[in-house]
Amino acid sequence: MQTPTGASGNHSTFRIYSAKSLGTAIGHYRRELGLSQAELADLVGLNRTYLSDLERGRQTEQVRRILRLLNQLGVRMVLEKAGW
């Protein structure tokens, strides 16, 4: 499992460079909130299987397109817990 970069207390930060790193971050934050996959999927209107696939790093077409777009723009995605 990927260790959050720049982790300090509740301020874990993830650099997203692949479907796997995105899935690791989603799973980390979900568990941090004490939610099951089914609970989170229900809250956001997703199928639990789709959420499970994301957390396992399955590269869906949507994720592939977003990562390709960011790469083409020369930017990176960083996720961190919102403090608001």
N, C-alpha and C. Protein backbone atom coordinates (compact mmCIF):
# COMPACT_ATOMS: atom_id res chain seq x y z
N MET A 1 0.84 -1.18 0.00
CA MET A 1 0.00 0.00 0.00
C MET A 1 0.88 1.24 0.00
N GLN A 2 0.49 2.22 -0.77
CA GLN A 2 1.25 3.46 -0.85
C GLN A 2 1.12 4.24 0.44
N THR A 3 2.24 4.74 0.93
CA THR A 3 2.22 5.60 2.10
C THR A 3 1.94 7.02 1.64
N PRO A 4 1.05 7.72 2.33
CA PRO A 4 0.78 9.10 1.94
C PRO A 4 2.06 9.93 1.98
N THR A 5 2.23 10.82 1.03
CA THR A 5 3.39 11.70 1.05
C THR A 5 3.08 12.92 1.88
N GLY A 6 4.05 13.41 2.58
CA GLY A 6 3.84 14.60 3.39
C GLY A 6 2.84 14.38 4.51
N ALA A 7 2.73 13.15 4.99
CA ALA A 7 1.74 12.85 6.03
C ALA A 7 2.14 13.51 7.34
N SER A 8 1.18 14.21 7.93
CA SER A 8 1.39 14.79 9.26
C SER A 8 0.05 14.88 9.95
N GLY A 9 -0.13 14.07 10.96
CA GLY A 9 -1.42 14.05 11.65
C GLY A 9 -2.52 13.61 10.71
N ASN A 10 -3.58 14.40 10.63
CA ASN A 10 -4.70 14.08 9.75
C ASN A 10 -4.57 14.74 8.38
N HIS A 11 -3.38 15.18 8.02
CA HIS A 11 -3.19 15.91 6.77
C HIS A 11 -2.41 15.07 5.77
N SER A 12 -2.87 13.86 5.47
CA SER A 12 -2.23 13.01 4.49
C SER A 12 -2.42 13.60 3.10
N THR A 13 -1.36 13.56 2.31
CA THR A 13 -1.38 14.07 0.96
C THR A 13 -0.97 12.94 0.02
N PHE A 14 -1.68 12.79 -1.08
CA PHE A 14 -1.38 11.77 -2.07
C PHE A 14 -1.10 12.42 -3.42
N ARG A 15 0.00 12.06 -4.03
CA ARG A 15 0.27 12.47 -5.41
C ARG A 15 -0.38 11.42 -6.31
N ILE A 16 -1.26 11.88 -7.19
CA ILE A 16 -1.98 10.97 -8.06
C ILE A 16 -1.30 10.94 -9.42
N TYR A 17 -0.72 9.80 -9.75
CA TYR A 17 -0.02 9.63 -11.02
C TYR A 17 -0.50 8.41 -11.78
N SER A 18 -1.42 7.65 -11.17
CA SER A 18 -1.93 6.45 -11.82
C SER A 18 -3.27 6.09 -11.19
N ALA A 19 -3.96 5.15 -11.83
CA ALA A 19 -5.22 4.67 -11.27
C ALA A 19 -4.98 4.03 -9.90
N LYS A 20 -3.84 3.37 -9.75
CA LYS A 20 -3.53 2.72 -8.48
C LYS A 20 -3.35 3.74 -7.36
N SER A 21 -2.64 4.83 -7.63
CA SER A 21 -2.44 5.84 -6.57
C SER A 21 -3.76 6.54 -6.24
N LEU A 22 -4.63 6.73 -7.23
CA LEU A 22 -5.95 7.30 -6.96
C LEU A 22 -6.76 6.36 -6.08
N GLY A 23 -6.74 5.08 -6.40
CA GLY A 23 -7.47 4.10 -5.60
C GLY A 23 -6.97 4.01 -4.18
N THR A 24 -5.65 4.07 -4.02
CA THR A 24 -5.06 4.04 -2.68
C THR A 24 -5.55 5.22 -1.86
N ALA A 25 -5.57 6.40 -2.47
CA ALA A 25 -6.02 7.60 -1.76
C ALA A 25 -7.49 7.51 -1.38
N ILE A 26 -8.33 7.08 -2.31
CA ILE A 26 -9.77 6.96 -2.03
C ILE A 26 -10.00 6.00 -0.87
N GLY A 27 -9.35 4.84 -0.93
CA GLY A 27 -9.50 3.86 0.14
C GLY A 27 -9.01 4.38 1.48
N HIS A 28 -7.89 5.09 1.47
CA HIS A 28 -7.33 5.66 2.70
C HIS A 28 -8.32 6.62 3.35
N TYR A 29 -8.83 7.56 2.57
CA TYR A 29 -9.74 8.57 3.12
C TYR A 29 -11.08 7.95 3.54
N ARG A 30 -11.54 6.94 2.80
CA ARG A 30 -12.78 6.26 3.18
C ARG A 30 -12.62 5.58 4.54
N ARG A 31 -11.53 4.85 4.70
CA ARG A 31 -11.28 4.16 5.98
C ARG A 31 -11.08 5.16 7.11
N GLU A 32 -10.42 6.27 6.81
CA GLU A 32 -10.20 7.31 7.82
C GLU A 32 -11.53 7.82 8.37
N LEU A 33 -12.55 7.87 7.51
CA LEU A 33 -13.88 8.32 7.94
C LEU A 33 -14.71 7.19 8.55
N GLY A 34 -14.16 5.98 8.55
CA GLY A 34 -14.86 4.85 9.14
C GLY A 34 -16.03 4.36 8.30
N LEU A 35 -15.96 4.58 6.99
CA LEU A 35 -17.05 4.16 6.11
C LEU A 35 -16.70 2.86 5.40
N SER A 36 -17.70 2.03 5.19
CA SER A 36 -17.52 0.85 4.35
C SER A 36 -17.63 1.29 2.89
N GLN A 37 -17.21 0.43 1.99
CA GLN A 37 -17.37 0.75 0.57
C GLN A 37 -18.85 0.93 0.23
N ALA A 38 -19.69 0.08 0.78
CA ALA A 38 -21.13 0.18 0.50
C ALA A 38 -21.70 1.50 1.00
N GLU A 39 -21.28 1.93 2.18
CA GLU A 39 -21.78 3.20 2.73
C GLU A 39 -21.36 4.39 1.88
N LEU A 40 -20.08 4.43 1.50
CA LEU A 40 -19.61 5.54 0.68
C LEU A 40 -20.26 5.53 -0.70
N ALA A 41 -20.35 4.35 -1.29
CA ALA A 41 -20.99 4.24 -2.60
C ALA A 41 -22.42 4.76 -2.55
N ASP A 42 -23.13 4.40 -1.50
CA ASP A 42 -24.52 4.86 -1.35
C ASP A 42 -24.59 6.38 -1.17
N LEU A 43 -23.67 6.93 -0.41
CA LEU A 43 -23.65 8.38 -0.17
C LEU A 43 -23.46 9.19 -1.44
N VAL A 44 -22.65 8.66 -2.37
CA VAL A 44 -22.34 9.42 -3.58
C VAL A 44 -23.03 8.89 -4.83
N GLY A 45 -23.87 7.87 -4.66
CA GLY A 45 -24.64 7.36 -5.79
C GLY A 45 -23.85 6.51 -6.77
N LEU A 46 -22.87 5.77 -6.25
CA LEU A 46 -22.09 4.85 -7.07
C LEU A 46 -22.46 3.42 -6.74
N ASN A 47 -22.16 2.53 -7.65
CA ASN A 47 -22.27 1.10 -7.40
C ASN A 47 -21.08 0.70 -6.54
N ARG A 48 -21.28 -0.13 -5.52
CA ARG A 48 -20.19 -0.54 -4.65
C ARG A 48 -19.09 -1.24 -5.43
N THR A 49 -19.45 -2.02 -6.43
CA THR A 49 -18.45 -2.72 -7.24
C THR A 49 -17.55 -1.74 -7.98
N TYR A 50 -18.13 -0.65 -8.48
CA TYR A 50 -17.34 0.37 -9.17
C TYR A 50 -16.35 1.01 -8.20
N LEU A 51 -16.82 1.33 -6.99
CA LEU A 51 -15.93 1.91 -5.97
C LEU A 51 -14.82 0.94 -5.63
N SER A 52 -15.15 -0.34 -5.48
CA SER A 52 -14.15 -1.35 -5.20
C SER A 52 -13.10 -1.41 -6.31
N ASP A 53 -13.56 -1.37 -7.55
CA ASP A 53 -12.63 -1.37 -8.69
C ASP A 53 -11.71 -0.16 -8.64
N LEU A 54 -12.26 1.01 -8.32
CA LEU A 54 -11.43 2.22 -8.21
C LEU A 54 -10.37 2.05 -7.13
N GLU A 55 -10.78 1.56 -5.97
CA GLU A 55 -9.84 1.40 -4.85
C GLU A 55 -8.75 0.38 -5.16
N ARG A 56 -9.06 -0.60 -5.99
CA ARG A 56 -8.06 -1.61 -6.37
C ARG A 56 -7.16 -1.13 -7.51
N GLY A 57 -7.41 0.09 -7.99
CA GLY A 57 -6.55 0.65 -9.02
C GLY A 57 -6.94 0.27 -10.43
N ARG A 58 -8.14 -0.25 -10.61
CA ARG A 58 -8.60 -0.59 -11.96
C ARG A 58 -8.72 0.70 -12.75
N GLN A 59 -8.11 0.71 -13.91
CA GLN A 59 -8.11 1.93 -14.71
C GLN A 59 -9.35 1.97 -15.60
N THR A 60 -10.36 2.68 -15.12
CA THR A 60 -11.58 2.86 -15.90
C THR A 60 -11.31 3.86 -17.02
N GLU A 61 -12.18 3.90 -17.99
CA GLU A 61 -12.00 4.84 -19.10
C GLU A 61 -11.98 6.28 -18.60
N GLN A 62 -12.83 6.59 -17.62
CA GLN A 62 -12.87 7.95 -17.09
C GLN A 62 -11.54 8.32 -16.44
N VAL A 63 -11.01 7.43 -15.63
CA VAL A 63 -9.73 7.68 -14.96
C VAL A 63 -8.62 7.80 -15.99
N ARG A 64 -8.60 6.92 -16.97
CA ARG A 64 -7.58 6.95 -18.02
C ARG A 64 -7.59 8.31 -18.74
N ARG A 65 -8.77 8.79 -19.08
CA ARG A 65 -8.88 10.06 -19.79
C ARG A 65 -8.40 11.23 -18.94
N ILE A 66 -8.79 11.24 -17.67
CA ILE A 66 -8.36 12.33 -16.79
C ILE A 66 -6.85 12.34 -16.63
N LEU A 67 -6.25 11.17 -16.39
CA LEU A 67 -4.80 11.10 -16.23
C LEU A 67 -4.08 11.50 -17.51
N ARG A 68 -4.60 11.10 -18.65
CA ARG A 68 -3.99 11.47 -19.93
C ARG A 68 -4.08 12.98 -20.15
N LEU A 69 -5.22 13.56 -19.82
CA LEU A 69 -5.42 15.00 -19.94
C LEU A 69 -4.43 15.77 -19.06
N LEU A 70 -4.32 15.36 -17.80
CA LEU A 70 -3.40 16.03 -16.88
C LEU A 70 -1.96 15.92 -17.36
N ASN A 71 -1.61 14.73 -17.85
CA ASN A 71 -0.26 14.52 -18.36
C ASN A 71 0.03 15.43 -19.55
N GLN A 72 -0.93 15.54 -20.45
CA GLN A 72 -0.76 16.39 -21.63
C GLN A 72 -0.60 17.86 -21.23
N LEU A 73 -1.30 18.28 -20.19
CA LEU A 73 -1.21 19.66 -19.71
C LEU A 73 0.06 19.92 -18.90
N GLY A 74 0.75 18.84 -18.53
CA GLY A 74 1.96 18.99 -17.73
C GLY A 74 1.68 19.34 -16.29
N VAL A 75 0.54 18.89 -15.78
CA VAL A 75 0.19 19.16 -14.38
C VAL A 75 0.00 17.85 -13.64
N ARG A 76 0.04 17.92 -12.33
CA ARG A 76 -0.19 16.73 -11.52
C ARG A 76 -1.33 16.97 -10.55
N MET A 77 -1.92 15.90 -10.11
CA MET A 77 -3.03 15.96 -9.17
C MET A 77 -2.51 15.55 -7.79
N VAL A 78 -2.86 16.36 -6.80
CA VAL A 78 -2.50 16.06 -5.42
C VAL A 78 -3.77 16.12 -4.60
N LEU A 79 -4.03 15.07 -3.83
CA LEU A 79 -5.21 15.03 -2.96
C LEU A 79 -4.77 15.20 -1.52
N GLU A 80 -5.48 16.05 -0.81
CA GLU A 80 -5.25 16.21 0.61
C GLU A 80 -6.58 16.43 1.30
N LYS A 81 -6.64 16.05 2.54
CA LYS A 81 -7.88 16.17 3.31
C LYS A 81 -8.26 17.65 3.43
N ALA A 82 -9.52 17.92 3.13
CA ALA A 82 -10.02 19.30 3.22
C ALA A 82 -10.08 19.72 4.68
N GLY A 83 -9.63 20.92 4.95
CA GLY A 83 -9.65 21.43 6.31
C GLY A 83 -10.80 22.37 6.57
N TRP A 84 -11.81 22.32 5.74
CA TRP A 84 -12.94 23.22 5.86
C TRP A 84 -14.13 22.43 6.09
